[in-house]
């Protein structure tokens, strides 16, 4: 927990940057994990939240099926994959990205550029 002096310094720094915090914002220690942009962030690592993985997998399958059916180009499908892999790259997801790359390879029949 922060002391009142530290809290005041934080709020003053935020104010000096012409920023503000909404009234419901709290201060949480990162040891408990803080949700941020679809990730759960701890002080020493980050994970992608499970619902985001499920949605991303479903979106990936639909994109790959559309590419295979010719509704979108393979290049567009690879671009979508690269985008999602870049998002996943902000967390500790090496094994997840490798598994997803295998799935994409099985669907597309070629190695994705991720």
PDB file of N, CA and C in Angstrom:
ATOM      1  N   UNK A   1       0.845  -1.187   0.000  1.00  0.00           N
ATOM      2  CA  UNK A   1       0.000   0.000   0.000  1.00  0.00           C
ATOM      3  C   UNK A   1       0.884   1.242   0.000  1.00  0.00           C
ATOM      4  N   UNK A   2       0.366   2.298  -0.597  1.00  0.00           N
ATOM      5  CA  UNK A   2       1.096   3.558  -0.648  1.00  0.00           C
ATOM      6  C   UNK A   2       0.817   4.378   0.598  1.00  0.00           C
ATOM      7  N   UNK A   3       1.804   5.161   1.015  1.00  0.00           N
ATOM      8  CA  UNK A   3       1.561   6.118   2.083  1.00  0.00           C
ATOM      9  C   UNK A   3       0.785   7.282   1.493  1.00  0.00           C
ATOM     10  N   UNK A   4       0.207   8.102   2.340  1.00  0.00           N
ATOM     11  CA  UNK A   4      -0.566   9.236   1.825  1.00  0.00           C
ATOM     12  C   UNK A   4       0.341  10.194   1.064  1.00  0.00           C
ATOM     13  N   UNK A   5       1.599  10.311   1.488  1.00  0.00           N
ATOM     14  CA  UNK A   5       2.544  11.181   0.777  1.00  0.00           C
ATOM     15  C   UNK A   5       2.804  10.653  -0.637  1.00  0.00           C
ATOM     16  N   UNK A   6       2.991   9.340  -0.765  1.00  0.00           N
ATOM     17  CA  UNK A   6       3.216   8.747  -2.083  1.00  0.00           C
ATOM     18  C   UNK A   6       1.986   8.901  -2.970  1.00  0.00           C
ATOM     19  N   UNK A   7       0.815   8.709  -2.385  1.00  0.00           N
ATOM     20  CA  UNK A   7      -0.428   8.860  -3.147  1.00  0.00           C
ATOM     21  C   UNK A   7      -0.575  10.288  -3.646  1.00  0.00           C
ATOM     22  N   UNK A   8      -0.293  11.256  -2.783  1.00  0.00           N
ATOM     23  CA  UNK A   8      -0.383  12.651  -3.190  1.00  0.00           C
ATOM     24  C   UNK A   8       0.603  12.951  -4.312  1.00  0.00           C
ATOM     25  N   UNK A   9       1.797  12.398  -4.224  1.00  0.00           N
ATOM     26  CA  UNK A   9       2.807  12.621  -5.268  1.00  0.00           C
ATOM     27  C   UNK A   9       2.351  12.023  -6.600  1.00  0.00           C
ATOM     28  N   UNK A  10       1.746  10.853  -6.552  1.00  0.00           N
ATOM     29  CA  UNK A  10       1.240  10.209  -7.774  1.00  0.00           C
ATOM     30  C   UNK A  10       0.145  11.067  -8.396  1.00  0.00           C
ATOM     31  N   UNK A  11      -0.816  11.482  -7.579  1.00  0.00           N
ATOM     32  CA  UNK A  11      -1.913  12.296  -8.100  1.00  0.00           C
ATOM     33  C   UNK A  11      -1.408  13.637  -8.625  1.00  0.00           C
ATOM     34  N   UNK A  12      -0.407  14.219  -7.968  1.00  0.00           N
ATOM     35  CA  UNK A  12       0.152  15.484  -8.439  1.00  0.00           C
ATOM     36  C   UNK A  12       0.853  15.292  -9.784  1.00  0.00           C
ATOM     37  N   UNK A  13       1.576  14.192  -9.938  1.00  0.00           N
ATOM     38  CA  UNK A  13       2.250  13.903 -11.213  1.00  0.00           C
ATOM     39  C   UNK A  13       1.234  13.738 -12.331  1.00  0.00           C
ATOM     40  N   UNK A  14       0.153  13.055 -12.041  1.00  0.00           N
ATOM     41  CA  UNK A  14      -0.902  12.856 -13.035  1.00  0.00           C
ATOM     42  C   UNK A  14      -1.520  14.199 -13.402  1.00  0.00           C
ATOM     43  N   UNK A  15      -1.786  15.037 -12.392  1.00  0.00           N
ATOM     44  CA  UNK A  15      -2.362  16.352 -12.634  1.00  0.00           C
ATOM     45  C   UNK A  15      -1.412  17.224 -13.463  1.00  0.00           C
ATOM     46  N   UNK A  16      -0.116  17.154 -13.170  1.00  0.00           N
ATOM     47  CA  UNK A  16       0.877  17.945 -13.911  1.00  0.00           C
ATOM     48  C   UNK A  16       0.910  17.575 -15.386  1.00  0.00           C
ATOM     49  N   UNK A  17       0.530  16.353 -15.711  1.00  0.00           N
ATOM     50  CA  UNK A  17       0.499  15.897 -17.102  1.00  0.00           C
ATOM     51  C   UNK A  17      -0.847  16.199 -17.772  1.00  0.00           C
ATOM     52  N   UNK A  18      -1.693  16.946 -17.060  1.00  0.00           N
ATOM     53  CA  UNK A  18      -3.041  17.275 -17.544  1.00  0.00           C
ATOM     54  C   UNK A  18      -3.883  16.023 -17.773  1.00  0.00           C
ATOM     55  N   UNK A  19      -3.692  15.033 -16.933  1.00  0.00           N
ATOM     56  CA  UNK A  19      -4.476  13.809 -16.968  1.00  0.00           C
ATOM     57  C   UNK A  19      -5.338  13.761 -15.719  1.00  0.00           C
ATOM     58  N   UNK A  20      -6.283  12.853 -15.695  1.00  0.00           N
ATOM     59  CA  UNK A  20      -7.106  12.680 -14.511  1.00  0.00           C
ATOM     60  C   UNK A  20      -7.491  11.217 -14.387  1.00  0.00           C
ATOM     61  N   UNK A  21      -7.869  10.845 -13.198  1.00  0.00           N
ATOM     62  CA  UNK A  21      -8.341   9.495 -12.915  1.00  0.00           C
ATOM     63  C   UNK A  21      -9.832   9.551 -12.647  1.00  0.00           C
ATOM     64  N   UNK A  22     -10.554   8.570 -13.163  1.00  0.00           N
ATOM     65  CA  UNK A  22     -11.974   8.520 -12.864  1.00  0.00           C
ATOM     66  C   UNK A  22     -12.141   8.184 -11.383  1.00  0.00           C
ATOM     67  N   UNK A  23     -13.253   8.585 -10.782  1.00  0.00           N
ATOM     68  CA  UNK A  23     -13.422   8.390  -9.336  1.00  0.00           C
ATOM     69  C   UNK A  23     -13.346   6.936  -8.870  1.00  0.00           C
ATOM     70  N   UNK A  24     -13.708   5.986  -9.736  1.00  0.00           N
ATOM     71  CA  UNK A  24     -13.715   4.592  -9.295  1.00  0.00           C
ATOM     72  C   UNK A  24     -12.354   3.911  -9.443  1.00  0.00           C
ATOM     73  N   UNK A  25     -11.342   4.626  -9.907  1.00  0.00           N
ATOM     74  CA  UNK A  25     -10.017   4.034 -10.074  1.00  0.00           C
ATOM     75  C   UNK A  25      -9.400   3.788  -8.708  1.00  0.00           C
ATOM     76  N   UNK A  26      -8.846   2.618  -8.551  1.00  0.00           N
ATOM     77  CA  UNK A  26      -8.181   2.293  -7.303  1.00  0.00           C
ATOM     78  C   UNK A  26      -6.718   1.991  -7.551  1.00  0.00           C
ATOM     79  N   UNK A  27      -6.000   1.864  -6.482  1.00  0.00           N
ATOM     80  CA  UNK A  27      -4.596   1.484  -6.579  1.00  0.00           C
ATOM     81  C   UNK A  27      -4.517   0.023  -6.153  1.00  0.00           C
ATOM     82  N   UNK A  28      -3.942  -0.784  -7.010  1.00  0.00           N
ATOM     83  CA  UNK A  28      -3.850  -2.210  -6.725  1.00  0.00           C
ATOM     84  C   UNK A  28      -2.401  -2.657  -6.806  1.00  0.00           C
ATOM     85  N   UNK A  29      -1.961  -3.479  -5.886  1.00  0.00           N
ATOM     86  CA  UNK A  29      -0.607  -4.017  -6.012  1.00  0.00           C
ATOM     87  C   UNK A  29      -0.552  -5.013  -7.170  1.00  0.00           C
ATOM     88  N   UNK A  30       0.507  -4.975  -7.936  1.00  0.00           N
ATOM     89  CA  UNK A  30       0.589  -5.859  -9.097  1.00  0.00           C
ATOM     90  C   UNK A  30       0.769  -7.315  -8.705  1.00  0.00           C
ATOM     91  N   UNK A  31       1.051  -7.595  -7.445  1.00  0.00           N
ATOM     92  CA  UNK A  31       1.183  -8.999  -7.048  1.00  0.00           C
ATOM     93  C   UNK A  31      -0.150  -9.731  -7.146  1.00  0.00           C
ATOM     94  N   UNK A  32      -1.272  -8.993  -7.137  1.00  0.00           N
ATOM     95  CA  UNK A  32      -2.579  -9.623  -7.281  1.00  0.00           C
ATOM     96  C   UNK A  32      -3.013  -9.697  -8.746  1.00  0.00           C
ATOM     97  N   UNK A  33      -2.313  -9.025  -9.632  1.00  0.00           N
ATOM     98  CA  UNK A  33      -2.657  -9.011 -11.048  1.00  0.00           C
ATOM     99  C   UNK A  33      -3.642  -7.900 -11.361  1.00  0.00           C
ATOM    100  N   UNK A  34      -3.390  -7.217 -12.456  1.00  0.00           N
ATOM    101  CA  UNK A  34      -4.238  -6.100 -12.876  1.00  0.00           C
ATOM    102  C   UNK A  34      -4.650  -6.347 -14.320  1.00  0.00           C
ATOM    103  N   UNK A  35      -5.957  -6.375 -14.609  1.00  0.00           N
ATOM    104  CA  UNK A  35      -6.379  -6.552 -16.001  1.00  0.00           C
ATOM    105  C   UNK A  35      -6.091  -5.286 -16.807  1.00  0.00           C
ATOM    106  N   UNK A  36      -5.488  -5.456 -17.986  1.00  0.00           N
ATOM    107  CA  UNK A  36      -5.134  -4.313 -18.828  1.00  0.00           C
ATOM    108  C   UNK A  36      -5.102  -4.760 -20.279  1.00  0.00           C
ATOM    109  N   UNK A  37      -5.972  -4.214 -21.109  1.00  0.00           N
ATOM    110  CA  UNK A  37      -6.014  -4.480 -22.548  1.00  0.00           C
ATOM    111  C   UNK A  37      -6.045  -5.970 -22.889  1.00  0.00           C
ATOM    112  N   UNK A  38      -6.881  -6.706 -22.198  1.00  0.00           N
ATOM    113  CA  UNK A  38      -7.029  -8.127 -22.490  1.00  0.00           C
ATOM    114  C   UNK A  38      -5.938  -8.999 -21.891  1.00  0.00           C
ATOM    115  N   UNK A  39      -5.070  -8.399 -21.098  1.00  0.00           N
ATOM    116  CA  UNK A  39      -4.000  -9.140 -20.433  1.00  0.00           C
ATOM    117  C   UNK A  39      -4.195  -9.034 -18.930  1.00  0.00           C
ATOM    118  N   UNK A  40      -3.682 -10.003 -18.204  1.00  0.00           N
ATOM    119  CA  UNK A  40      -3.590  -9.899 -16.758  1.00  0.00           C
ATOM    120  C   UNK A  40      -2.119  -9.643 -16.474  1.00  0.00           C
ATOM    121  N   UNK A  41      -1.834  -8.515 -15.843  1.00  0.00           N
ATOM    122  CA  UNK A  41      -0.451  -8.075 -15.649  1.00  0.00           C
ATOM    123  C   UNK A  41      -0.064  -8.225 -14.189  1.00  0.00           C
ATOM    124  N   UNK A  42       1.003  -8.953 -13.945  1.00  0.00           N
ATOM    125  CA  UNK A  42       1.620  -9.055 -12.633  1.00  0.00           C
ATOM    126  C   UNK A  42       2.955  -8.323 -12.685  1.00  0.00           C
ATOM    127  N   UNK A  43       3.603  -8.175 -11.557  1.00  0.00           N
ATOM    128  CA  UNK A  43       4.856  -7.428 -11.541  1.00  0.00           C
ATOM    129  C   UNK A  43       5.973  -8.136 -12.302  1.00  0.00           C
ATOM    130  N   UNK A  44       5.870  -9.452 -12.485  1.00  0.00           N
ATOM    131  CA  UNK A  44       6.959 -10.178 -13.134  1.00  0.00           C
ATOM    132  C   UNK A  44       6.555 -10.900 -14.422  1.00  0.00           C
ATOM    133  N   UNK A  45       5.276 -10.918 -14.764  1.00  0.00           N
ATOM    134  CA  UNK A  45       4.864 -11.558 -16.010  1.00  0.00           C
ATOM    135  C   UNK A  45       3.461 -11.099 -16.407  1.00  0.00           C
ATOM    136  N   UNK A  46       3.038 -11.496 -17.609  1.00  0.00           N
ATOM    137  CA  UNK A  46       1.718 -11.150 -18.129  1.00  0.00           C
ATOM    138  C   UNK A  46       1.116 -12.376 -18.788  1.00  0.00           C
ATOM    139  N   UNK A  47      -0.209 -12.475 -18.707  1.00  0.00           N
ATOM    140  CA  UNK A  47      -0.924 -13.570 -19.372  1.00  0.00           C
ATOM    141  C   UNK A  47      -2.096 -13.001 -20.141  1.00  0.00           C
ATOM    142  N   UNK A  48      -2.465 -13.682 -21.201  1.00  0.00           N
ATOM    143  CA  UNK A  48      -3.656 -13.309 -21.958  1.00  0.00           C
ATOM    144  C   UNK A  48      -4.853 -13.936 -21.253  1.00  0.00           C
ATOM    145  N   UNK A  49      -5.923 -13.159 -21.110  1.00  0.00           N
ATOM    146  CA  UNK A  49      -7.117 -13.679 -20.452  1.00  0.00           C
ATOM    147  C   UNK A  49      -7.769 -14.751 -21.326  1.00  0.00           C
ATOM    148  N   UNK A  50      -8.255 -15.797 -20.693  1.00  0.00           N
ATOM    149  CA  UNK A  50      -8.800 -16.946 -21.421  1.00  0.00           C
ATOM    150  C   UNK A  50      -9.906 -16.583 -22.427  1.00  0.00           C
ATOM    151  N   UNK A  51     -10.867 -15.725 -22.057  1.00  0.00           N
ATOM    152  CA  UNK A  51     -11.899 -15.394 -23.052  1.00  0.00           C
ATOM    153  C   UNK A  51     -11.319 -14.790 -24.332  1.00  0.00           C
ATOM    154  N   UNK A  52     -10.231 -14.053 -24.206  1.00  0.00           N
ATOM    155  CA  UNK A  52      -9.598 -13.462 -25.387  1.00  0.00           C
ATOM    156  C   UNK A  52      -8.951 -14.535 -26.258  1.00  0.00           C
ATOM    157  N   UNK A  53      -8.413 -15.560 -25.634  1.00  0.00           N
ATOM    158  CA  UNK A  53      -7.810 -16.658 -26.394  1.00  0.00           C
ATOM    159  C   UNK A  53      -8.902 -17.409 -27.152  1.00  0.00           C
ATOM    160  N   UNK A  54     -10.021 -17.680 -26.472  1.00  0.00           N
ATOM    161  CA  UNK A  54     -11.128 -18.400 -27.105  1.00  0.00           C
ATOM    162  C   UNK A  54     -11.669 -17.603 -28.295  1.00  0.00           C
ATOM    163  N   UNK A  55     -11.930 -16.307 -28.092  1.00  0.00           N
ATOM    164  CA  UNK A  55     -12.420 -15.459 -29.180  1.00  0.00           C
ATOM    165  C   UNK A  55     -11.414 -15.365 -30.317  1.00  0.00           C
ATOM    166  N   UNK A  56     -10.141 -15.226 -29.973  1.00  0.00           N
ATOM    167  CA  UNK A  56      -9.102 -15.126 -30.993  1.00  0.00           C
ATOM    168  C   UNK A  56      -8.974 -16.393 -31.817  1.00  0.00           C
ATOM    169  N   UNK A  57      -9.061 -17.533 -31.157  1.00  0.00           N
ATOM    170  CA  UNK A  57      -8.996 -18.817 -31.879  1.00  0.00           C
ATOM    171  C   UNK A  57     -10.156 -18.961 -32.849  1.00  0.00           C
ATOM    172  N   UNK A  58     -11.352 -18.582 -32.377  1.00  0.00           N
ATOM    173  CA  UNK A  58     -12.537 -18.673 -33.219  1.00  0.00           C
ATOM    174  C   UNK A  58     -12.382 -17.731 -34.422  1.00  0.00           C
ATOM    175  N   UNK A  59     -11.906 -16.509 -34.176  1.00  0.00           N
ATOM    176  CA  UNK A  59     -11.692 -15.549 -35.251  1.00  0.00           C
ATOM    177  C   UNK A  59     -10.624 -16.052 -36.230  1.00  0.00           C
ATOM    178  N   UNK A  60      -9.576 -16.678 -35.683  1.00  0.00           N
ATOM    179  CA  UNK A  60      -8.511 -17.209 -36.531  1.00  0.00           C
ATOM    180  C   UNK A  60      -9.054 -18.309 -37.443  1.00  0.00           C
ATOM    181  N   UNK A  61      -9.865 -19.210 -36.889  1.00  0.00           N
ATOM    182  CA  UNK A  61     -10.431 -20.284 -37.704  1.00  0.00           C
ATOM    183  C   UNK A  61     -11.320 -19.731 -38.814  1.00  0.00           C
ATOM    184  N   UNK A  62     -12.162 -18.735 -38.474  1.00  0.00           N
ATOM    185  CA  UNK A  62     -13.033 -18.133 -39.485  1.00  0.00           C
ATOM    186  C   UNK A  62     -12.205 -17.463 -40.577  1.00  0.00           C
ATOM    187  N   UNK A  63     -11.159 -16.772 -40.199  1.00  0.00           N
ATOM    188  CA  UNK A  63     -10.300 -16.101 -41.173  1.00  0.00           C
ATOM    189  C   UNK A  63      -9.604 -17.116 -42.068  1.00  0.00           C
ATOM    190  N   UNK A  64      -9.094 -18.177 -41.472  1.00  0.00           N
ATOM    191  CA  UNK A  64      -8.411 -19.197 -42.256  1.00  0.00           C
ATOM    192  C   UNK A  64      -9.382 -19.919 -43.187  1.00  0.00           C
ATOM    193  N   UNK A  65     -10.598 -20.196 -42.719  1.00  0.00           N
ATOM    194  CA  UNK A  65     -11.605 -20.829 -43.570  1.00  0.00           C
ATOM    195  C   UNK A  65     -11.976 -19.917 -44.740  1.00  0.00           C
ATOM    196  N   UNK A  66     -12.100 -18.612 -44.465  1.00  0.00           N
ATOM    197  CA  UNK A  66     -12.416 -17.656 -45.533  1.00  0.00           C
ATOM    198  C   UNK A  66     -11.287 -17.593 -46.555  1.00  0.00           C
ATOM    199  N   UNK A  67     -10.049 -17.679 -46.094  1.00  0.00           N
ATOM    200  CA  UNK A  67      -8.906 -17.661 -47.018  1.00  0.00           C
ATOM    201  C   UNK A  67      -8.883 -18.927 -47.866  1.00  0.00           C
ATOM    202  N   UNK A  68      -9.153 -20.051 -47.230  1.00  0.00           N
ATOM    203  CA  UNK A  68      -9.157 -21.322 -47.953  1.00  0.00           C
ATOM    204  C   UNK A  68     -10.281 -21.364 -48.991  1.00  0.00           C
ATOM    205  N   UNK A  69     -11.423 -20.734 -48.652  1.00  0.00           N
ATOM    206  CA  UNK A  69     -12.568 -20.708 -49.565  1.00  0.00           C
ATOM    207  C   UNK A  69     -12.428 -19.626 -50.642  1.00  0.00           C
ATOM    208  N   UNK A  70     -11.416 -18.762 -50.498  1.00  0.00           N
ATOM    209  CA  UNK A  70     -11.192 -17.730 -51.497  1.00  0.00           C
ATOM    210  C   UNK A  70     -11.976 -16.447 -51.266  1.00  0.00           C
ATOM    211  N   UNK A  71     -12.646 -16.314 -50.113  1.00  0.00           N
ATOM    212  CA  UNK A  71     -13.401 -15.096 -49.819  1.00  0.00           C
ATOM    213  C   UNK A  71     -12.476 -13.937 -49.463  1.00  0.00           C
ATOM    214  N   UNK A  72     -11.305 -14.250 -48.910  1.00  0.00           N
ATOM    215  CA  UNK A  72     -10.265 -13.239 -48.673  1.00  0.00           C
ATOM    216  C   UNK A  72      -8.948 -13.819 -49.165  1.00  0.00           C
ATOM    217  N   UNK A  73      -7.985 -12.953 -49.398  1.00  0.00           N
ATOM    218  CA  UNK A  73      -6.700 -13.436 -49.899  1.00  0.00           C
ATOM    219  C   UNK A  73      -5.880 -14.053 -48.762  1.00  0.00           C
ATOM    220  N   UNK A  74      -4.943 -14.903 -49.134  1.00  0.00           N
ATOM    221  CA  UNK A  74      -4.038 -15.502 -48.141  1.00  0.00           C
ATOM    222  C   UNK A  74      -3.241 -14.398 -47.459  1.00  0.00           C
ATOM    223  N   UNK A  75      -2.860 -13.378 -48.227  1.00  0.00           N
ATOM    224  CA  UNK A  75      -2.111 -12.251 -47.652  1.00  0.00           C
ATOM    225  C   UNK A  75      -2.894 -11.542 -46.561  1.00  0.00           C
ATOM    226  N   UNK A  76      -4.188 -11.343 -46.785  1.00  0.00           N
ATOM    227  CA  UNK A  76      -5.039 -10.693 -45.770  1.00  0.00           C
ATOM    228  C   UNK A  76      -5.155 -11.579 -44.534  1.00  0.00           C
ATOM    229  N   UNK A  77      -5.276 -12.888 -44.738  1.00  0.00           N
ATOM    230  CA  UNK A  77      -5.348 -13.818 -43.609  1.00  0.00           C
ATOM    231  C   UNK A  77      -4.048 -13.778 -42.809  1.00  0.00           C
ATOM    232  N   UNK A  78      -2.920 -13.750 -43.501  1.00  0.00           N
ATOM    233  CA  UNK A  78      -1.623 -13.682 -42.814  1.00  0.00           C
ATOM    234  C   UNK A  78      -1.485 -12.367 -42.058  1.00  0.00           C
ATOM    235  N   UNK A  79      -2.002 -11.289 -42.638  1.00  0.00           N
ATOM    236  CA  UNK A  79      -1.960  -9.984 -41.970  1.00  0.00           C
ATOM    237  C   UNK A  79      -2.762 -10.019 -40.670  1.00  0.00           C
ATOM    238  N   UNK A  80      -3.933 -10.624 -40.711  1.00  0.00           N
ATOM    239  CA  UNK A  80      -4.752 -10.768 -39.502  1.00  0.00           C
ATOM    240  C   UNK A  80      -4.023 -11.596 -38.444  1.00  0.00           C
ATOM    241  N   UNK A  81      -3.398 -12.673 -38.888  1.00  0.00           N
ATOM    242  CA  UNK A  81      -2.635 -13.520 -37.961  1.00  0.00           C
ATOM    243  C   UNK A  81      -1.484 -12.752 -37.327  1.00  0.00           C
ATOM    244  N   UNK A  82      -0.743 -12.031 -38.157  1.00  0.00           N
ATOM    245  CA  UNK A  82       0.391 -11.249 -37.642  1.00  0.00           C
ATOM    246  C   UNK A  82      -0.069 -10.257 -36.589  1.00  0.00           C
ATOM    247  N   UNK A  83      -1.207  -9.621 -36.837  1.00  0.00           N
ATOM    248  CA  UNK A  83      -1.734  -8.640 -35.893  1.00  0.00           C
ATOM    249  C   UNK A  83      -2.046  -9.282 -34.547  1.00  0.00           C
ATOM    250  N   UNK A  84      -2.734 -10.424 -34.580  1.00  0.00           N
ATOM    251  CA  UNK A  84      -3.079 -11.079 -33.322  1.00  0.00           C
ATOM    252  C   UNK A  84      -1.825 -11.619 -32.622  1.00  0.00           C
ATOM    253  N   UNK A  85      -0.903 -12.157 -33.383  1.00  0.00           N
ATOM    254  CA  UNK A  85       0.331 -12.666 -32.787  1.00  0.00           C
ATOM    255  C   UNK A  85       1.126 -11.532 -32.150  1.00  0.00           C
ATOM    256  N   UNK A  86       1.081 -10.341 -32.742  1.00  0.00           N
ATOM    257  CA  UNK A  86       1.776  -9.192 -32.152  1.00  0.00           C
ATOM    258  C   UNK A  86       1.150  -8.835 -30.807  1.00  0.00           C
ATOM    259  N   UNK A  87      -0.173  -8.876 -30.731  1.00  0.00           N
ATOM    260  CA  UNK A  87      -0.845  -8.610 -29.458  1.00  0.00           C
ATOM    261  C   UNK A  87      -0.441  -9.668 -28.429  1.00  0.00           C
ATOM    262  N   UNK A  88      -0.451 -10.921 -28.844  1.00  0.00           N
ATOM    263  CA  UNK A  88      -0.070 -12.000 -27.926  1.00  0.00           C
ATOM    264  C   UNK A  88       1.384 -11.880 -27.497  1.00  0.00           C
ATOM    265  N   UNK A  89       2.211 -11.300 -28.345  1.00  0.00           N
ATOM    266  CA  UNK A  89       3.634 -11.167 -28.041  1.00  0.00           C
ATOM    267  C   UNK A  89       3.927 -10.268 -26.855  1.00  0.00           C
ATOM    268  N   UNK A  90       2.949  -9.458 -26.429  1.00  0.00           N
ATOM    269  CA  UNK A  90       3.163  -8.594 -25.268  1.00  0.00           C
ATOM    270  C   UNK A  90       3.077  -9.363 -23.960  1.00  0.00           C
ATOM    271  N   UNK A  91       2.613 -10.591 -24.021  1.00  0.00           N
ATOM    272  CA  UNK A  91       2.507 -11.410 -22.810  1.00  0.00           C
ATOM    273  C   UNK A  91       3.446 -12.613 -22.949  1.00  0.00           C
ATOM    274  N   UNK A  92       3.492 -13.430 -21.929  1.00  0.00           N
ATOM    275  CA  UNK A  92       4.332 -14.624 -21.930  1.00  0.00           C
ATOM    276  C   UNK A  92       3.568 -15.745 -22.635  1.00  0.00           C
ATOM    277  N   UNK A  93       3.634 -15.763 -23.969  1.00  0.00           N
ATOM    278  CA  UNK A  93       2.773 -16.659 -24.748  1.00  0.00           C
ATOM    279  C   UNK A  93       3.534 -17.458 -25.804  1.00  0.00           C
ATOM    280  N   UNK A  94       4.787 -17.751 -25.572  1.00  0.00           N
ATOM    281  CA  UNK A  94       5.567 -18.450 -26.596  1.00  0.00           C
ATOM    282  C   UNK A  94       4.920 -19.778 -27.002  1.00  0.00           C
ATOM    283  N   UNK A  95       4.532 -20.578 -26.015  1.00  0.00           N
ATOM    284  CA  UNK A  95       3.924 -21.886 -26.315  1.00  0.00           C
ATOM    285  C   UNK A  95       2.577 -21.721 -27.010  1.00  0.00           C
ATOM    286  N   UNK A  96       1.778 -20.758 -26.567  1.00  0.00           N
ATOM    287  CA  UNK A  96       0.477 -20.519 -27.188  1.00  0.00           C
ATOM    288  C   UNK A  96       0.655 -20.111 -28.651  1.00  0.00           C
ATOM    289  N   UNK A  97       1.586 -19.192 -28.926  1.00  0.00           N
ATOM    290  CA  UNK A  97       1.804 -18.762 -30.308  1.00  0.00           C
ATOM    291  C   UNK A  97       2.304 -19.910 -31.170  1.00  0.00           C
ATOM    292  N   UNK A  98       3.148 -20.776 -30.619  1.00  0.00           N
ATOM    293  CA  UNK A  98       3.634 -21.929 -31.383  1.00  0.00           C
ATOM    294  C   UNK A  98       2.479 -22.873 -31.720  1.00  0.00           C
ATOM    295  N   UNK A  99       1.592 -23.098 -30.751  1.00  0.00           N
ATOM    296  CA  UNK A  99       0.451 -23.984 -30.989  1.00  0.00           C
ATOM    297  C   UNK A  99      -0.504 -23.378 -32.022  1.00  0.00           C
ATOM    298  N   UNK A 100      -0.754 -22.087 -31.929  1.00  0.00           N
ATOM    299  CA  UNK A 100      -1.620 -21.419 -32.898  1.00  0.00           C
ATOM    300  C   UNK A 100      -1.005 -21.435 -34.296  1.00  0.00           C
ATOM    301  N   UNK A 101       0.313 -21.293 -34.376  1.00  0.00           N
ATOM    302  CA  UNK A 101       0.986 -21.349 -35.675  1.00  0.00           C
ATOM    303  C   UNK A 101       0.826 -22.738 -36.286  1.00  0.00           C
ATOM    304  N   UNK A 102       0.897 -23.775 -35.461  1.00  0.00           N
ATOM    305  CA  UNK A 102       0.668 -25.141 -35.951  1.00  0.00           C
ATOM    306  C   UNK A 102      -0.749 -25.291 -36.495  1.00  0.00           C
ATOM    307  N   UNK A 103      -1.729 -24.752 -35.750  1.00  0.00           N
ATOM    308  CA  UNK A 103      -3.123 -24.835 -36.197  1.00  0.00           C
ATOM    309  C   UNK A 103      -3.304 -24.098 -37.527  1.00  0.00           C
ATOM    310  N   UNK A 104      -2.720 -22.919 -37.641  1.00  0.00           N
ATOM    311  CA  UNK A 104      -2.837 -22.142 -38.878  1.00  0.00           C
ATOM    312  C   UNK A 104      -2.170 -22.866 -40.024  1.00  0.00           C
ATOM    313  N   UNK A 105      -1.046 -23.502 -39.768  1.00  0.00           N
ATOM    314  CA  UNK A 105      -0.348 -24.259 -40.805  1.00  0.00           C
ATOM    315  C   UNK A 105      -1.214 -25.417 -41.280  1.00  0.00           C
ATOM    316  N   UNK A 106      -1.871 -26.091 -40.346  1.00  0.00           N
ATOM    317  CA  UNK A 106      -2.730 -27.211 -40.709  1.00  0.00           C
ATOM    318  C   UNK A 106      -3.915 -26.754 -41.575  1.00  0.00           C
ATOM    319  N   UNK A 107      -4.442 -25.568 -41.269  1.00  0.00           N
ATOM    320  CA  UNK A 107      -5.592 -25.053 -42.028  1.00  0.00           C
ATOM    321  C   UNK A 107      -5.167 -24.504 -43.379  1.00  0.00           C
ATOM    322  N   UNK A 108      -4.110 -23.660 -43.376  1.00  0.00           N
ATOM    323  CA  UNK A 108      -3.682 -23.021 -44.626  1.00  0.00           C
ATOM    324  C   UNK A 108      -2.837 -23.911 -45.502  1.00  0.00           C
ATOM    325  N   UNK A 109      -2.142 -24.852 -44.902  1.00  0.00           N
ATOM    326  CA  UNK A 109      -1.262 -25.721 -45.675  1.00  0.00           C
ATOM    327  C   UNK A 109       0.081 -25.077 -45.968  1.00  0.00           C
ATOM    328  N   UNK A 110       0.354 -23.936 -45.352  1.00  0.00           N
ATOM    329  CA  UNK A 110       1.642 -23.258 -45.518  1.00  0.00           C
ATOM    330  C   UNK A 110       2.018 -22.650 -44.174  1.00  0.00           C
ATOM    331  N   UNK A 111       3.285 -22.407 -43.995  1.00  0.00           N
ATOM    332  CA  UNK A 111       3.754 -21.834 -42.747  1.00  0.00           C
ATOM    333  C   UNK A 111       3.358 -20.373 -42.654  1.00  0.00           C
ATOM    334  N   UNK A 112       2.627 -19.976 -41.604  1.00  0.00           N
ATOM    335  CA  UNK A 112       2.269 -18.570 -41.469  1.00  0.00           C
ATOM    336  C   UNK A 112       3.502 -17.742 -41.119  1.00  0.00           C
ATOM    337  N   UNK A 113       3.564 -16.500 -41.561  1.00  0.00           N
ATOM    338  CA  UNK A 113       4.738 -15.666 -41.293  1.00  0.00           C
ATOM    339  C   UNK A 113       4.693 -15.028 -39.925  1.00  0.00           C
ATOM    340  N   UNK A 114       4.491 -15.796 -38.889  1.00  0.00           N
ATOM    341  CA  UNK A 114       4.372 -15.241 -37.545  1.00  0.00           C
ATOM    342  C   UNK A 114       5.479 -15.753 -36.668  1.00  0.00           C
TER     343      UNK A 114
END
